[in-house]
Protein backbone atom coordinates (compact mmCIF):
# COMPACT_ATOMS: atom_id res chain seq x y z
CA MET A 1 0.17 -4.02 -20.96
CA ASP A 2 -1.64 -2.64 -23.98
CA GLU A 3 -1.46 0.96 -25.17
CA LYS A 4 -4.88 1.87 -23.73
CA ASN A 5 -3.88 0.74 -20.23
CA ILE A 6 -0.53 2.51 -20.49
CA LYS A 7 -2.28 5.76 -21.40
CA ARG A 8 -4.83 5.26 -18.59
CA ASN A 9 -2.03 4.70 -16.06
CA GLU A 10 -0.21 7.81 -17.27
CA MET A 11 -3.37 9.84 -16.68
CA LEU A 12 -3.78 8.32 -13.20
CA ASP A 13 -0.13 9.07 -12.36
CA SER A 14 -0.59 12.66 -13.54
CA ALA A 15 -3.75 13.00 -11.47
CA ARG A 16 -2.10 11.57 -8.35
CA PHE A 17 0.80 13.99 -8.71
CA LEU A 18 -1.51 16.99 -9.12
CA PHE A 19 -3.85 15.94 -6.30
CA LYS A 20 -0.84 15.62 -4.01
CA GLU A 21 0.70 18.93 -5.16
CA ASN A 22 -2.44 21.08 -5.46
CA GLY A 23 -5.14 19.26 -3.57
CA PHE A 24 -8.32 17.78 -5.01
CA HIS A 25 -10.32 21.01 -5.30
CA LYS A 26 -7.58 23.05 -6.99
CA THR A 27 -6.82 20.37 -9.57
CA LYS A 28 -8.75 20.73 -12.82
CA MET A 29 -9.40 18.15 -15.53
CA GLU A 30 -7.47 20.38 -17.95
CA ASP A 31 -4.43 20.26 -15.62
CA ILE A 32 -4.53 16.47 -15.54
CA ALA A 33 -4.86 16.23 -19.33
CA LEU A 34 -2.00 18.69 -19.85
CA ARG A 35 0.34 16.87 -17.45
CA ALA A 36 -0.55 13.51 -19.05
CA GLY A 37 0.07 14.89 -22.52
CA VAL A 38 -3.45 14.18 -23.78
CA GLY A 39 -6.38 16.31 -24.84
CA LYS A 40 -9.19 17.01 -22.41
CA GLY A 41 -11.54 15.01 -24.68
CA THR A 42 -9.24 11.98 -24.44
CA LEU A 43 -9.23 12.27 -20.66
CA TYR A 44 -13.05 12.23 -20.67
CA GLU A 45 -13.00 9.09 -22.86
CA TYR A 46 -11.33 7.30 -19.94
CA PHE A 47 -12.88 9.05 -16.94
CA SER A 48 -16.24 10.77 -16.62
CA SER A 49 -15.18 13.12 -13.80
CA LYS A 50 -12.42 14.26 -11.50
CA GLN A 51 -14.09 12.23 -8.76
CA GLU A 52 -13.79 9.06 -10.85
CA ILE A 53 -10.09 9.74 -11.48
CA PHE A 54 -9.48 10.33 -7.78
CA ASP A 55 -11.31 7.14 -6.81
CA GLU A 56 -9.49 5.10 -9.45
CA ALA A 57 -6.11 6.47 -8.38
CA CYS A 58 -6.86 5.48 -4.78
CA VAL A 59 -8.11 2.02 -5.78
CA GLU A 60 -4.98 1.40 -7.87
CA TYR A 61 -2.83 2.31 -4.90
CA VAL A 62 -4.64 0.01 -2.47
CA LYS A 63 -4.65 -2.76 -5.08
CA SER A 64 -0.86 -2.49 -5.49
CA ILE A 65 -0.35 -2.94 -1.73
CA HIS A 66 -2.80 -5.88 -1.69
CA ASN A 67 -1.03 -7.59 -4.59
CA TYR A 68 2.35 -7.06 -2.97
CA VAL A 69 1.20 -8.68 0.29
CA LYS A 70 -0.45 -11.55 -1.61
CA GLU A 71 2.73 -12.27 -3.60
CA ILE A 72 4.75 -12.44 -0.40
CA SER A 73 2.22 -14.74 1.26
CA GLU A 74 2.58 -17.17 -1.66
CA LEU A 75 6.38 -17.42 -1.37
CA ASP A 76 7.70 -20.81 -0.23
CA VAL A 77 9.74 -19.36 2.63
CA SER A 78 9.59 -19.18 6.43
CA PHE A 79 7.36 -16.86 8.42
CA LYS A 80 10.33 -14.66 9.36
CA ASP A 81 11.43 -14.38 5.72
CA LYS A 82 7.90 -13.35 4.71
CA LEU A 83 7.84 -10.76 7.47
CA VAL A 84 11.21 -9.37 6.38
CA SER A 85 9.94 -9.24 2.77
CA LEU A 86 6.85 -7.30 3.86
CA PHE A 87 9.09 -4.69 5.45
CA LYS A 88 11.61 -4.48 2.65
CA GLY A 89 8.86 -3.23 0.38
CA ASN A 90 11.05 -3.06 -2.69
CA GLN A 91 9.26 -5.61 -4.85
CA ASN A 92 6.79 -4.21 -7.37
CA GLY A 93 7.91 -0.68 -6.58
CA LEU A 94 5.89 -0.56 -3.35
CA GLU A 95 8.19 2.05 -1.81
CA GLU A 96 7.82 4.25 -4.88
CA GLU A 97 4.05 3.77 -4.84
CA PHE A 98 3.91 4.57 -1.11
CA GLU A 99 5.94 7.72 -1.71
CA LYS A 100 3.56 8.83 -4.49
CA ASN A 101 0.46 8.00 -2.42
CA PRO A 102 1.05 7.92 1.33
CA VAL A 103 -1.95 6.54 3.18
CA ASP A 104 -2.24 9.71 5.28
CA TYR A 105 -2.52 11.72 2.06
CA ILE A 106 -5.30 9.52 0.67
CA MET A 107 -7.20 9.36 3.94
CA SER A 108 -6.93 13.14 4.41
CA TYR A 109 -9.46 13.30 1.58
CA LYS A 110 -11.97 11.10 3.41
CA ASN A 111 -14.76 13.61 2.72
CA ILE A 112 -14.02 13.41 -1.01
CA ILE A 113 -13.69 9.64 -1.38
CA SER A 114 -16.85 8.21 -2.88
CA GLU A 115 -18.99 5.50 -1.30
CA LYS A 116 -17.99 3.15 -4.13
CA PHE A 117 -14.32 3.60 -3.31
CA VAL A 118 -14.89 3.09 0.42
CA LYS A 119 -16.56 -0.27 -0.36
CA THR A 120 -13.71 -1.30 -2.67
CA LEU A 121 -11.11 -0.13 -0.14
CA PHE A 122 -12.80 -2.15 2.59
CA GLU A 123 -12.79 -5.28 0.40
CA TYR A 124 -9.07 -4.99 -0.37
CA VAL A 125 -8.08 -4.16 3.21
CA SER A 126 -10.25 -6.98 4.58
CA ASP A 127 -8.70 -9.49 2.19
CA MET A 128 -5.20 -8.19 2.89
CA ASN A 129 -5.83 -8.61 6.62
CA LYS A 130 -6.85 -12.26 6.02
CA ILE A 131 -3.66 -12.81 4.02
CA ILE A 132 -1.50 -11.40 6.83
CA ILE A 133 -3.41 -13.51 9.38
CA ASN A 134 -2.48 -16.57 7.28
CA ILE A 135 1.17 -15.51 7.39
CA VAL A 136 0.90 -15.17 11.19
CA ASP A 137 -0.74 -18.60 11.40
CA GLN A 138 2.22 -19.99 9.47
CA GLY A 139 4.47 -18.51 12.17
CA LYS A 140 2.38 -20.25 14.81
CA GLU A 141 2.64 -23.56 12.95
CA GLU A 142 6.43 -23.11 12.76
CA GLY A 143 6.48 -22.58 16.54
CA ILE A 144 7.80 -19.03 16.18
CA VAL A 145 4.74 -16.95 17.08
CA ILE A 146 3.09 -17.13 20.50
CA LYS A 147 -0.10 -19.14 19.95
CA GLU A 148 -2.05 -17.44 22.75
CA ILE A 149 -2.01 -14.06 21.02
CA PRO A 150 -4.91 -13.85 18.53
CA SER A 151 -3.63 -13.81 14.94
CA ASP A 152 -5.78 -10.81 14.02
CA ILE A 153 -4.18 -8.72 16.78
CA ILE A 154 -0.70 -9.62 15.53
CA ALA A 155 -1.79 -8.85 11.94
CA CYS A 156 -2.96 -5.36 13.06
CA SER A 157 0.42 -4.79 14.73
CA ILE A 158 2.24 -5.81 11.55
CA VAL A 159 0.13 -3.58 9.31
CA GLY A 160 0.41 -0.57 11.62
CA THR A 161 4.15 -0.99 12.03
CA MET A 162 4.62 -1.42 8.26
CA GLY A 163 2.80 1.85 7.58
CA GLU A 164 4.90 3.77 10.07
CA TYR A 165 8.08 2.07 8.85
CA PHE A 166 7.42 3.13 5.24
CA LYS A 167 6.77 6.70 6.42
CA LEU A 168 10.11 6.65 8.21
CA LYS A 169 11.83 5.39 5.06
CA MET A 170 10.28 8.22 3.05
CA GLN A 171 11.56 10.78 5.54
CA LYS A 172 15.02 9.19 5.80
CA LYS A 173 15.79 8.09 2.24
CA ASP A 174 18.96 6.26 3.28
CA TYR A 175 17.16 4.21 5.95
CA ALA A 176 16.90 0.54 4.99
CA LEU A 177 15.94 -2.62 6.84
CA LYS A 178 19.04 -4.37 8.16
CA GLY A 179 19.51 -7.63 10.00
CA ASP A 180 19.72 -5.73 13.30
CA ASP A 181 16.89 -3.33 12.54
CA ILE A 182 15.40 -2.06 15.80
CA ILE A 183 11.88 -1.58 14.42
CA PHE A 184 11.75 -5.06 12.95
CA ASN A 185 13.25 -6.63 16.10
CA LEU A 186 10.81 -4.84 18.39
CA LEU A 187 7.90 -6.14 16.35
CA TYR A 188 9.27 -9.63 15.73
CA ASN A 189 10.49 -10.25 19.28
CA GLY A 190 7.24 -8.90 20.69
CA PHE A 191 5.32 -11.94 19.45
CA SER A 192 8.09 -14.54 19.08
CA VAL A 193 8.24 -17.58 21.30
CA LYS A 194 12.05 -17.38 21.39
CA LYS A 195 13.70 -14.01 21.55
CA GLU A 196 16.38 -13.30 18.94
CA ILE A 197 18.87 -10.47 19.07
């Protein structure tokens, strides 16, 4: 990563922290610049407004989740191993990213998020859903997932459960997915052909 991108990411991290701590309206461009260790003029060289910084910070977050899911989908492993990897969330710092930017926090600003961001968010989420559907279809091909349940319904269950699981992990820092994890087993055995304990 070149120096310009490093500086940009530092400004975005500073903005995310301040938006989370102070809220969008109470965060000023000067605060972001100060926390990032740059001058206000430098901040404006990268971002034209607080709205642009907020949108970019949100896009970066959604993109990191998308890339994480895509990487897992490309692994040459079984459906169950991919599902476990999705829940472990420790590759690419996803847990850390989720802690910095919980979805509830981002969506609580739905009146602030720009139309441009909503379109970008929809594109990433739509593509991520297709990727998870492909993972589910792999499970059907392996004879593990019940074929009669539509793949998109199972994908929605996976995504919803993942979100709640990561929230639980943020609340209980010592909680980690284990082989006998009740959340994972409830989800997995809910759509498995053969039940595993």
